[in-house]
Amino acid sequence: MSGLADMQLKVERATNLYAETSGEKMINDAKIKAPWTDRTGNSRQTMDYKITKSGTTTRINLRGNTPHFKYLELCHEKKNAILWPTIQRWSGQVLSGWSKIIWF
């Protein structure tokens, strides 16, 4: 039984480390590919990610931390959106990489 508990702890740690690494890569990609023209650079500079856990679920949340970020994401028929397209672009790669780590 202790071997199973150790394995579960290793999986949790690996999942958390992989989520942190993936979140960083996704945010860096979003910052590079953001389609808008910078005026102050605040929107690009303040984008970040947050890892949340709920039971056995680990979630990577991408966020924009300026008051006008929601307008960049939602207005003008979403032509300036970057967070949701980044999640869509990376989700398959992140899940595939995670499964390779877990099934060592």
PDB file of N, CA and C in Angstrom:
ATOM      1  N   MET A   1       0.816  -1.200   0.000  1.00  0.00           N
ATOM      2  CA  MET A   1       0.000   0.000   0.000  1.00  0.00           C
ATOM      3  C   MET A   1       0.860   1.265   0.000  1.00  0.00           C
ATOM      4  N   SER A   2       1.994   1.227   0.692  1.00  0.00           N
ATOM      5  CA  SER A   2       2.818   2.436   0.730  1.00  0.00           C
ATOM      6  C   SER A   2       3.375   2.753  -0.651  1.00  0.00           C
ATOM      7  N   GLY A   3       3.587   1.723  -1.470  1.00  0.00           N
ATOM      8  CA  GLY A   3       4.061   1.944  -2.834  1.00  0.00           C
ATOM      9  C   GLY A   3       3.035   2.692  -3.672  1.00  0.00           C
ATOM     10  N   LEU A   4       1.766   2.373  -3.466  1.00  0.00           N
ATOM     11  CA  LEU A   4       0.706   3.085  -4.184  1.00  0.00           C
ATOM     12  C   LEU A   4       0.602   4.536  -3.730  1.00  0.00           C
ATOM     13  N   ALA A   5       0.751   4.759  -2.431  1.00  0.00           N
ATOM     14  CA  ALA A   5       0.701   6.128  -1.916  1.00  0.00           C
ATOM     15  C   ALA A   5       1.866   6.946  -2.462  1.00  0.00           C
ATOM     16  N   ASP A   6       3.047   6.324  -2.542  1.00  0.00           N
ATOM     17  CA  ASP A   6       4.216   7.008  -3.106  1.00  0.00           C
ATOM     18  C   ASP A   6       3.998   7.326  -4.583  1.00  0.00           C
ATOM     19  N   MET A   7       3.393   6.373  -5.306  1.00  0.00           N
ATOM     20  CA  MET A   7       3.136   6.591  -6.728  1.00  0.00           C
ATOM     21  C   MET A   7       2.146   7.734  -6.924  1.00  0.00           C
ATOM     22  N   GLN A   8       1.118   7.785  -6.098  1.00  0.00           N
ATOM     23  CA  GLN A   8       0.128   8.862  -6.211  1.00  0.00           C
ATOM     24  C   GLN A   8       0.782  10.214  -5.944  1.00  0.00           C
ATOM     25  N   LEU A   9       1.652  10.273  -4.954  1.00  0.00           N
ATOM     26  CA  LEU A   9       2.350  11.519  -4.642  1.00  0.00           C
ATOM     27  C   LEU A   9       3.249  11.942  -5.808  1.00  0.00           C
ATOM     28  N   LYS A  10       3.934  10.976  -6.416  1.00  0.00           N
ATOM     29  CA  LYS A  10       4.787  11.289  -7.565  1.00  0.00           C
ATOM     30  C   LYS A  10       3.964  11.801  -8.747  1.00  0.00           C
ATOM     31  N   VAL A  11       2.805  11.198  -8.981  1.00  0.00           N
ATOM     32  CA  VAL A  11       1.932  11.641 -10.076  1.00  0.00           C
ATOM     33  C   VAL A  11       1.439  13.060  -9.817  1.00  0.00           C
ATOM     34  N   GLU A  12       1.052  13.356  -8.585  1.00  0.00           N
ATOM     35  CA  GLU A  12       0.589  14.706  -8.238  1.00  0.00           C
ATOM     36  C   GLU A  12       1.693  15.729  -8.438  1.00  0.00           C
ATOM     37  N   ARG A  13       2.887  15.413  -7.987  1.00  0.00           N
ATOM     38  CA  ARG A  13       4.014  16.345  -8.149  1.00  0.00           C
ATOM     39  C   ARG A  13       4.367  16.540  -9.624  1.00  0.00           C
ATOM     40  N   ALA A  14       4.390  15.446 -10.381  1.00  0.00           N
ATOM     41  CA  ALA A  14       4.710  15.540 -11.808  1.00  0.00           C
ATOM     42  C   ALA A  14       3.643  16.348 -12.544  1.00  0.00           C
ATOM     43  N   THR A  15       2.387  16.133 -12.185  1.00  0.00           N
ATOM     44  CA  THR A  15       1.288  16.868 -12.815  1.00  0.00           C
ATOM     45  C   THR A  15       1.407  18.358 -12.521  1.00  0.00           C
ATOM     46  N   ASN A  16       1.696  18.699 -11.284  1.00  0.00           N
ATOM     47  CA  ASN A  16       1.828  20.106 -10.906  1.00  0.00           C
ATOM     48  C   ASN A  16       3.012  20.758 -11.627  1.00  0.00           C
ATOM     49  N   LEU A  17       4.132  20.078 -11.664  1.00  0.00           N
ATOM     50  CA  LEU A  17       5.310  20.621 -12.347  1.00  0.00           C
ATOM     51  C   LEU A  17       5.046  20.773 -13.844  1.00  0.00           C
ATOM     52  N   TYR A  18       4.384  19.785 -14.448  1.00  0.00           N
ATOM     53  CA  TYR A  18       4.070  19.857 -15.872  1.00  0.00           C
ATOM     54  C   TYR A  18       3.082  20.989 -16.159  1.00  0.00           C
ATOM     55  N   ALA A  19       2.099  21.172 -15.281  1.00  0.00           N
ATOM     56  CA  ALA A  19       1.132  22.262 -15.454  1.00  0.00           C
ATOM     57  C   ALA A  19       1.834  23.617 -15.367  1.00  0.00           C
ATOM     58  N   GLU A  20       2.746  23.776 -14.426  1.00  0.00           N
ATOM     59  CA  GLU A  20       3.501  25.039 -14.306  1.00  0.00           C
ATOM     60  C   GLU A  20       4.309  25.311 -15.569  1.00  0.00           C
ATOM     61  N   THR A  21       4.997  24.308 -16.053  1.00  0.00           N
ATOM     62  CA  THR A  21       5.820  24.459 -17.256  1.00  0.00           C
ATOM     63  C   THR A  21       4.951  24.767 -18.474  1.00  0.00           C
ATOM     64  N   SER A  22       3.845  24.050 -18.610  1.00  0.00           N
ATOM     65  CA  SER A  22       2.943  24.266 -19.738  1.00  0.00           C
ATOM     66  C   SER A  22       2.298  25.649 -19.683  1.00  0.00           C
ATOM     67  N   GLY A  23       1.893  26.081 -18.490  1.00  0.00           N
ATOM     68  CA  GLY A  23       1.309  27.414 -18.338  1.00  0.00           C
ATOM     69  C   GLY A  23       2.285  28.498 -18.764  1.00  0.00           C
ATOM     70  N   GLU A  24       3.536  28.337 -18.373  1.00  0.00           N
ATOM     71  CA  GLU A  24       4.564  29.320 -18.755  1.00  0.00           C
ATOM     72  C   GLU A  24       4.755  29.352 -20.266  1.00  0.00           C
ATOM     73  N   LYS A  25       4.802  28.181 -20.895  1.00  0.00           N
ATOM     74  CA  LYS A  25       4.962  28.126 -22.352  1.00  0.00           C
ATOM     75  C   LYS A  25       3.758  28.748 -23.061  1.00  0.00           C
ATOM     76  N   MET A  26       2.556  28.458 -22.563  1.00  0.00           N
ATOM     77  CA  MET A  26       1.348  28.992 -23.193  1.00  0.00           C
ATOM     78  C   MET A  26       1.298  30.509 -23.091  1.00  0.00           C
ATOM     79  N   ILE A  27       1.633  31.058 -21.940  1.00  0.00           N
ATOM     80  CA  ILE A  27       1.614  32.516 -21.770  1.00  0.00           C
ATOM     81  C   ILE A  27       2.677  33.172 -22.642  1.00  0.00           C
ATOM     82  N   ASN A  28       3.861  32.598 -22.708  1.00  0.00           N
ATOM     83  CA  ASN A  28       4.901  33.164 -23.571  1.00  0.00           C
ATOM     84  C   ASN A  28       4.461  33.163 -25.026  1.00  0.00           C
ATOM     85  N   ASP A  29       3.800  32.091 -25.460  1.00  0.00           N
ATOM     86  CA  ASP A  29       3.284  32.017 -26.817  1.00  0.00           C
ATOM     87  C   ASP A  29       2.206  33.082 -27.051  1.00  0.00           C
ATOM     88  N   ALA A  30       1.316  33.250 -26.076  1.00  0.00           N
ATOM     89  CA  ALA A  30       0.248  34.256 -26.198  1.00  0.00           C
ATOM     90  C   ALA A  30       0.835  35.663 -26.283  1.00  0.00           C
ATOM     91  N   LYS A  31       1.847  35.935 -25.508  1.00  0.00           N
ATOM     92  CA  LYS A  31       2.471  37.265 -25.535  1.00  0.00           C
ATOM     93  C   LYS A  31       3.100  37.549 -26.898  1.00  0.00           C
ATOM     94  N   ILE A  32       3.699  36.545 -27.498  1.00  0.00           N
ATOM     95  CA  ILE A  32       4.335  36.726 -28.803  1.00  0.00           C
ATOM     96  C   ILE A  32       3.291  36.894 -29.904  1.00  0.00           C
ATOM     97  N   LYS A  33       2.222  36.097 -29.844  1.00  0.00           N
ATOM     98  CA  LYS A  33       1.245  36.065 -30.930  1.00  0.00           C
ATOM     99  C   LYS A  33       0.045  36.982 -30.736  1.00  0.00           C
ATOM    100  N   ALA A  34       0.033  37.784 -29.688  1.00  0.00           N
ATOM    101  CA  ALA A  34      -1.094  38.702 -29.468  1.00  0.00           C
ATOM    102  C   ALA A  34      -1.255  39.609 -30.690  1.00  0.00           C
ATOM    103  N   PRO A  35      -2.453  39.659 -31.272  1.00  0.00           N
ATOM    104  CA  PRO A  35      -2.632  40.351 -32.554  1.00  0.00           C
ATOM    105  C   PRO A  35      -2.784  41.867 -32.473  1.00  0.00           C
ATOM    106  N   TRP A  36      -2.895  42.416 -31.289  1.00  0.00           N
ATOM    107  CA  TRP A  36      -3.140  43.851 -31.199  1.00  0.00           C
ATOM    108  C   TRP A  36      -1.845  44.642 -31.251  1.00  0.00           C
ATOM    109  N   THR A  37      -1.981  45.938 -31.499  1.00  0.00           N
ATOM    110  CA  THR A  37      -0.854  46.861 -31.486  1.00  0.00           C
ATOM    111  C   THR A  37      -0.724  47.437 -30.089  1.00  0.00           C
ATOM    112  N   ASP A  38       0.451  47.316 -29.508  1.00  0.00           N
ATOM    113  CA  ASP A  38       0.674  47.827 -28.157  1.00  0.00           C
ATOM    114  C   ASP A  38       0.674  49.348 -28.148  1.00  0.00           C
ATOM    115  N   ARG A  39       0.021  49.894 -27.145  1.00  0.00           N
ATOM    116  CA  ARG A  39       0.103  51.328 -26.889  1.00  0.00           C
ATOM    117  C   ARG A  39       1.030  51.554 -25.696  1.00  0.00           C
ATOM    118  N   THR A  40       0.756  50.840 -24.609  1.00  0.00           N
ATOM    119  CA  THR A  40       1.590  50.966 -23.405  1.00  0.00           C
ATOM    120  C   THR A  40       2.359  49.684 -23.111  1.00  0.00           C
ATOM    121  N   GLY A  41       1.908  48.564 -23.646  1.00  0.00           N
ATOM    122  CA  GLY A  41       2.539  47.277 -23.363  1.00  0.00           C
ATOM    123  C   GLY A  41       1.997  46.588 -22.128  1.00  0.00           C
ATOM    124  N   ASN A  42       1.073  47.256 -21.393  1.00  0.00           N
ATOM    125  CA  ASN A  42       0.564  46.681 -20.144  1.00  0.00           C
ATOM    126  C   ASN A  42      -0.190  45.378 -20.360  1.00  0.00           C
ATOM    127  N   SER A  43      -1.011  45.306 -21.381  1.00  0.00           N
ATOM    128  CA  SER A  43      -1.811  44.099 -21.601  1.00  0.00           C
ATOM    129  C   SER A  43      -0.921  42.886 -21.850  1.00  0.00           C
ATOM    130  N   ARG A  44       0.084  43.060 -22.659  1.00  0.00           N
ATOM    131  CA  ARG A  44       1.002  41.962 -22.961  1.00  0.00           C
ATOM    132  C   ARG A  44       1.831  41.592 -21.723  1.00  0.00           C
ATOM    133  N   GLN A  45       2.313  42.594 -21.007  1.00  0.00           N
ATOM    134  CA  GLN A  45       3.186  42.346 -19.857  1.00  0.00           C
ATOM    135  C   GLN A  45       2.460  41.715 -18.669  1.00  0.00           C
ATOM    136  N   THR A  46       1.181  41.989 -18.522  1.00  0.00           N
ATOM    137  CA  THR A  46       0.474  41.499 -17.339  1.00  0.00           C
ATOM    138  C   THR A  46      -0.275  40.186 -17.569  1.00  0.00           C
ATOM    139  N   MET A  47      -0.182  39.607 -18.749  1.00  0.00           N
ATOM    140  CA  MET A  47      -0.787  38.285 -18.958  1.00  0.00           C
ATOM    141  C   MET A  47      -0.034  37.271 -18.098  1.00  0.00           C
ATOM    142  N   ASP A  48      -0.785  36.391 -17.453  1.00  0.00           N
ATOM    143  CA  ASP A  48      -0.147  35.333 -16.690  1.00  0.00           C
ATOM    144  C   ASP A  48      -1.071  34.125 -16.615  1.00  0.00           C
ATOM    145  N   TYR A  49      -0.660  33.134 -15.856  1.00  0.00           N
ATOM    146  CA  TYR A  49      -1.443  31.919 -15.705  1.00  0.00           C
ATOM    147  C   TYR A  49      -1.571  31.599 -14.225  1.00  0.00           C
ATOM    148  N   LYS A  50      -2.560  30.771 -13.916  1.00  0.00           N
ATOM    149  CA  LYS A  50      -2.759  30.322 -12.548  1.00  0.00           C
ATOM    150  C   LYS A  50      -3.132  28.847 -12.607  1.00  0.00           C
ATOM    151  N   ILE A  51      -2.507  28.051 -11.772  1.00  0.00           N
ATOM    152  CA  ILE A  51      -2.804  26.633 -11.683  1.00  0.00           C
ATOM    153  C   ILE A  51      -3.787  26.437 -10.538  1.00  0.00           C
ATOM    154  N   THR A  52      -4.921  25.810 -10.819  1.00  0.00           N
ATOM    155  CA  THR A  52      -5.908  25.536  -9.770  1.00  0.00           C
ATOM    156  C   THR A  52      -6.138  24.032  -9.698  1.00  0.00           C
ATOM    157  N   LYS A  53      -6.395  23.565  -8.476  1.00  0.00           N
ATOM    158  CA  LYS A  53      -6.673  22.152  -8.254  1.00  0.00           C
ATOM    159  C   LYS A  53      -8.020  22.018  -7.578  1.00  0.00           C
ATOM    160  N   SER A  54      -8.787  21.055  -8.038  1.00  0.00           N
ATOM    161  CA  SER A  54     -10.067  20.747  -7.434  1.00  0.00           C
ATOM    162  C   SER A  54     -10.196  19.228  -7.430  1.00  0.00           C
ATOM    163  N   GLY A  55      -9.981  18.626  -6.289  1.00  0.00           N
ATOM    164  CA  GLY A  55      -9.981  17.171  -6.212  1.00  0.00           C
ATOM    165  C   GLY A  55      -8.813  16.613  -7.002  1.00  0.00           C
ATOM    166  N   THR A  56      -9.116  15.792  -7.991  1.00  0.00           N
ATOM    167  CA  THR A  56      -8.053  15.225  -8.825  1.00  0.00           C
ATOM    168  C   THR A  56      -7.859  15.993 -10.128  1.00  0.00           C
ATOM    169  N   THR A  57      -8.572  17.115 -10.279  1.00  0.00           N
ATOM    170  CA  THR A  57      -8.492  17.910 -11.502  1.00  0.00           C
ATOM    171  C   THR A  57      -7.499  19.054 -11.318  1.00  0.00           C
ATOM    172  N   THR A  58      -6.597  19.182 -12.254  1.00  0.00           N
ATOM    173  CA  THR A  58      -5.658  20.303 -12.283  1.00  0.00           C
ATOM    174  C   THR A  58      -5.984  21.120 -13.520  1.00  0.00           C
ATOM    175  N   ARG A  59      -6.112  22.428 -13.344  1.00  0.00           N
ATOM    176  CA  ARG A  59      -6.514  23.308 -14.441  1.00  0.00           C
ATOM    177  C   ARG A  59      -5.482  24.423 -14.608  1.00  0.00           C
ATOM    178  N   ILE A  60      -5.176  24.749 -15.850  1.00  0.00           N
ATOM    179  CA  ILE A  60      -4.305  25.876 -16.179  1.00  0.00           C
ATOM    180  C   ILE A  60      -5.211  26.999 -16.671  1.00  0.00           C
ATOM    181  N   ASN A  61      -5.232  28.107 -15.955  1.00  0.00           N
ATOM    182  CA  ASN A  61      -6.046  29.263 -16.331  1.00  0.00           C
ATOM    183  C   ASN A  61      -5.140  30.371 -16.845  1.00  0.00           C
ATOM    184  N   LEU A  62      -5.402  30.839 -18.047  1.00  0.00           N
ATOM    185  CA  LEU A  62      -4.673  31.981 -18.601  1.00  0.00           C
ATOM    186  C   LEU A  62      -5.479  33.227 -18.304  1.00  0.00           C
ATOM    187  N   ARG A  63      -4.787  34.317 -17.932  1.00  0.00           N
ATOM    188  CA  ARG A  63      -5.495  35.541 -17.536  1.00  0.00           C
ATOM    189  C   ARG A  63      -4.811  36.778 -18.095  1.00  0.00           C
ATOM    190  N   GLY A  64      -5.647  37.779 -18.333  1.00  0.00           N
ATOM    191  CA  GLY A  64      -5.174  39.109 -18.650  1.00  0.00           C
ATOM    192  C   GLY A  64      -5.506  39.993 -17.456  1.00  0.00           C
ATOM    193  N   ASN A  65      -4.570  40.751 -16.973  1.00  0.00           N
ATOM    194  CA  ASN A  65      -4.752  41.453 -15.699  1.00  0.00           C
ATOM    195  C   ASN A  65      -4.874  42.964 -15.809  1.00  0.00           C
ATOM    196  N   THR A  66      -5.333  43.457 -16.942  1.00  0.00           N
ATOM    197  CA  THR A  66      -5.622  44.884 -17.049  1.00  0.00           C
ATOM    198  C   THR A  66      -7.130  45.051 -17.184  1.00  0.00           C
ATOM    199  N   PRO A  67      -7.671  46.180 -16.749  1.00  0.00           N
ATOM    200  CA  PRO A  67      -9.132  46.363 -16.804  1.00  0.00           C
ATOM    201  C   PRO A  67      -9.716  46.252 -18.214  1.00  0.00           C
ATOM    202  N   HIS A  68      -8.967  46.631 -19.209  1.00  0.00           N
ATOM    203  CA  HIS A  68      -9.494  46.620 -20.575  1.00  0.00           C
ATOM    204  C   HIS A  68      -9.222  45.307 -21.319  1.00  0.00           C
ATOM    205  N   PHE A  69      -8.648  44.325 -20.639  1.00  0.00           N
ATOM    206  CA  PHE A  69      -8.303  43.079 -21.317  1.00  0.00           C
ATOM    207  C   PHE A  69      -9.538  42.354 -21.846  1.00  0.00           C
ATOM    208  N   LYS A  70     -10.640  42.439 -21.114  1.00  0.00           N
ATOM    209  CA  LYS A  70     -11.866  41.767 -21.579  1.00  0.00           C
ATOM    210  C   LYS A  70     -12.325  42.333 -22.917  1.00  0.00           C
ATOM    211  N   TYR A  71     -12.070  43.608 -23.169  1.00  0.00           N
ATOM    212  CA  TYR A  71     -12.446  44.204 -24.450  1.00  0.00           C
ATOM    213  C   TYR A  71     -11.545  43.684 -25.576  1.00  0.00           C
ATOM    214  N   LEU A  72     -10.272  43.475 -25.264  1.00  0.00           N
ATOM    215  CA  LEU A  72      -9.379  42.898 -26.265  1.00  0.00           C
ATOM    216  C   LEU A  72      -9.840  41.489 -26.641  1.00  0.00           C
ATOM    217  N   GLU A  73     -10.309  40.741 -25.663  1.00  0.00           N
ATOM    218  CA  GLU A  73     -10.717  39.351 -25.895  1.00  0.00           C
ATOM    219  C   GLU A  73     -12.077  39.242 -26.576  1.00  0.00           C
ATOM    220  N   LEU A  74     -13.010  40.140 -26.268  1.00  0.00           N
ATOM    221  CA  LEU A  74     -14.393  39.932 -26.685  1.00  0.00           C
ATOM    222  C   LEU A  74     -14.923  40.884 -27.749  1.00  0.00           C
ATOM    223  N   CYS A  75     -14.378  42.072 -27.872  1.00  0.00           N
ATOM    224  CA  CYS A  75     -14.927  43.063 -28.808  1.00  0.00           C
ATOM    225  C   CYS A  75     -14.391  42.868 -30.225  1.00  0.00           C
ATOM    226  N   HIS A  76     -14.992  43.573 -31.150  1.00  0.00           N
ATOM    227  CA  HIS A  76     -14.594  43.555 -32.560  1.00  0.00           C
ATOM    228  C   HIS A  76     -14.582  42.139 -33.113  1.00  0.00           C
ATOM    229  N   GLU A  77     -15.670  41.413 -32.815  1.00  0.00           N
ATOM    230  CA  GLU A  77     -15.833  40.035 -33.270  1.00  0.00           C
ATOM    231  C   GLU A  77     -14.665  39.139 -32.860  1.00  0.00           C
ATOM    232  N   LYS A  78     -14.095  39.435 -31.715  1.00  0.00           N
ATOM    233  CA  LYS A  78     -13.007  38.661 -31.104  1.00  0.00           C
ATOM    234  C   LYS A  78     -11.755  38.591 -31.970  1.00  0.00           C
ATOM    235  N   LYS A  79     -11.541  39.596 -32.821  1.00  0.00           N
ATOM    236  CA  LYS A  79     -10.367  39.554 -33.691  1.00  0.00           C
ATOM    237  C   LYS A  79      -9.063  39.760 -32.917  1.00  0.00           C
ATOM    238  N   ASN A  80      -9.131  40.342 -31.707  1.00  0.00           N
ATOM    239  CA  ASN A  80      -7.938  40.527 -30.899  1.00  0.00           C
ATOM    240  C   ASN A  80      -7.792  39.471 -29.807  1.00  0.00           C
ATOM    241  N   ALA A  81      -8.683  38.493 -29.776  1.00  0.00           N
ATOM    242  CA  ALA A  81      -8.632  37.457 -28.738  1.00  0.00           C
ATOM    243  C   ALA A  81      -7.332  36.672 -28.845  1.00  0.00           C
ATOM    244  N   ILE A  82      -6.723  36.391 -27.705  1.00  0.00           N
ATOM    245  CA  ILE A  82      -5.495  35.614 -27.700  1.00  0.00           C
ATOM    246  C   ILE A  82      -5.533  34.481 -26.683  1.00  0.00           C
ATOM    247  N   LEU A  83      -6.208  34.651 -25.546  1.00  0.00           N
ATOM    248  CA  LEU A  83      -6.165  33.622 -24.511  1.00  0.00           C
ATOM    249  C   LEU A  83      -6.891  32.345 -24.929  1.00  0.00           C
ATOM    250  N   TRP A  84      -8.132  32.460 -25.384  1.00  0.00           N
ATOM    251  CA  TRP A  84      -8.877  31.265 -25.785  1.00  0.00           C
ATOM    252  C   TRP A  84      -8.234  30.587 -26.995  1.00  0.00           C
ATOM    253  N   PRO A  85      -7.818  31.320 -28.037  1.00  0.00           N
ATOM    254  CA  PRO A  85      -7.126  30.647 -29.141  1.00  0.00           C
ATOM    255  C   PRO A  85      -5.835  29.950 -28.698  1.00  0.00           C
ATOM    256  N   THR A  86      -5.146  30.522 -27.733  1.00  0.00           N
ATOM    257  CA  THR A  86      -3.929  29.881 -27.226  1.00  0.00           C
ATOM    258  C   THR A  86      -4.273  28.573 -26.525  1.00  0.00           C
ATOM    259  N   ILE A  87      -5.316  28.585 -25.717  1.00  0.00           N
ATOM    260  CA  ILE A  87      -5.746  27.357 -25.037  1.00  0.00           C
ATOM    261  C   ILE A  87      -6.121  26.294 -26.068  1.00  0.00           C
ATOM    262  N   GLN A  88      -6.871  26.673 -27.076  1.00  0.00           N
ATOM    263  CA  GLN A  88      -7.268  25.714 -28.109  1.00  0.00           C
ATOM    264  C   GLN A  88      -6.059  25.158 -28.859  1.00  0.00           C
ATOM    265  N   ARG A  89      -5.104  26.025 -29.165  1.00  0.00           N
ATOM    266  CA  ARG A  89      -3.918  25.616 -29.913  1.00  0.00           C
ATOM    267  C   ARG A  89      -3.042  24.663 -29.102  1.00  0.00           C
ATOM    268  N   TRP A  90      -2.943  24.865 -27.794  1.00  0.00           N
ATOM    269  CA  TRP A  90      -2.033  24.096 -26.957  1.00  0.00           C
ATOM    270  C   TRP A  90      -2.669  22.895 -26.263  1.00  0.00           C
ATOM    271  N   SER A  91      -3.984  22.812 -26.180  1.00  0.00           N
ATOM    272  CA  SER A  91      -4.618  21.783 -25.343  1.00  0.00           C
ATOM    273  C   SER A  91      -4.222  20.359 -25.745  1.00  0.00           C
ATOM    274  N   GLY A  92      -4.211  20.047 -27.007  1.00  0.00           N
ATOM    275  CA  GLY A  92      -3.830  18.698 -27.441  1.00  0.00           C
ATOM    276  C   GLY A  92      -2.398  18.364 -27.086  1.00  0.00           C
ATOM    277  N   GLN A  93      -1.514  19.313 -27.299  1.00  0.00           N
ATOM    278  CA  GLN A  93      -0.095  19.105 -26.999  1.00  0.00           C
ATOM    279  C   GLN A  93       0.136  18.928 -25.501  1.00  0.00           C
ATOM    280  N   VAL A  94      -0.554  19.719 -24.692  1.00  0.00           N
ATOM    281  CA  VAL A  94      -0.395  19.628 -23.239  1.00  0.00           C
ATOM    282  C   VAL A  94      -0.903  18.282 -22.737  1.00  0.00           C
ATOM    283  N   LEU A  95      -2.067  17.858 -23.188  1.00  0.00           N
ATOM    284  CA  LEU A  95      -2.620  16.576 -22.748  1.00  0.00           C
ATOM    285  C   LEU A  95      -1.769  15.403 -23.217  1.00  0.00           C
ATOM    286  N   SER A  96      -1.276  15.482 -24.428  1.00  0.00           N
ATOM    287  CA  SER A  96      -0.419  14.425 -24.952  1.00  0.00           C
ATOM    288  C   SER A  96       0.885  14.325 -24.144  1.00  0.00           C
ATOM    289  N   GLY A  97       1.491  15.465 -23.863  1.00  0.00           N
ATOM    290  CA  GLY A  97       2.726  15.476 -23.077  1.00  0.00           C
ATOM    291  C   GLY A  97       2.507  14.990 -21.656  1.00  0.00           C
ATOM    292  N   TRP A  98       1.382  15.364 -21.074  1.00  0.00           N
ATOM    293  CA  TRP A  98       1.072  14.927 -19.703  1.00  0.00           C
ATOM    294  C   TRP A  98       0.898  13.419 -19.661  1.00  0.00           C
ATOM    295  N   SER A  99       0.204  12.851 -20.640  1.00  0.00           N
ATOM    296  CA  SER A  99      -0.004  11.406 -20.629  1.00  0.00           C
ATOM    297  C   SER A  99       1.313  10.653 -20.770  1.00  0.00           C
ATOM    298  N   LYS A 100       2.271  11.210 -21.512  1.00  0.00           N
ATOM    299  CA  LYS A 100       3.587  10.566 -21.634  1.00  0.00           C
ATOM    300  C   LYS A 100       4.325  10.595 -20.299  1.00  0.00           C
ATOM    301  N   ILE A 101       4.171  11.665 -19.545  1.00  0.00           N
ATOM    302  CA  ILE A 101       4.846  11.764 -18.243  1.00  0.00           C
ATOM    303  C   ILE A 101       4.232  10.781 -17.246  1.00  0.00           C
ATOM    304  N   ILE A 102       2.917  10.701 -17.233  1.00  0.00           N
ATOM    305  CA  ILE A 102       2.226   9.857 -16.260  1.00  0.00           C
ATOM    306  C   ILE A 102       2.450   8.377 -16.538  1.00  0.00           C
ATOM    307  N   TRP A 103       2.506   7.986 -17.800  1.00  0.00           N
ATOM    308  CA  TRP A 103       2.654   6.573 -18.128  1.00  0.00           C
ATOM    309  C   TRP A 103       4.118   6.185 -18.348  1.00  0.00           C
ATOM    310  N   PHE A 104       5.003   6.862 -17.620  1.00  0.00           N
ATOM    311  CA  PHE A 104       6.428   6.612 -17.729  1.00  0.00           C
ATOM    312  C   PHE A 104       6.648   5.167 -17.936  1.00  0.00           C
TER     313      PHE A 104
END
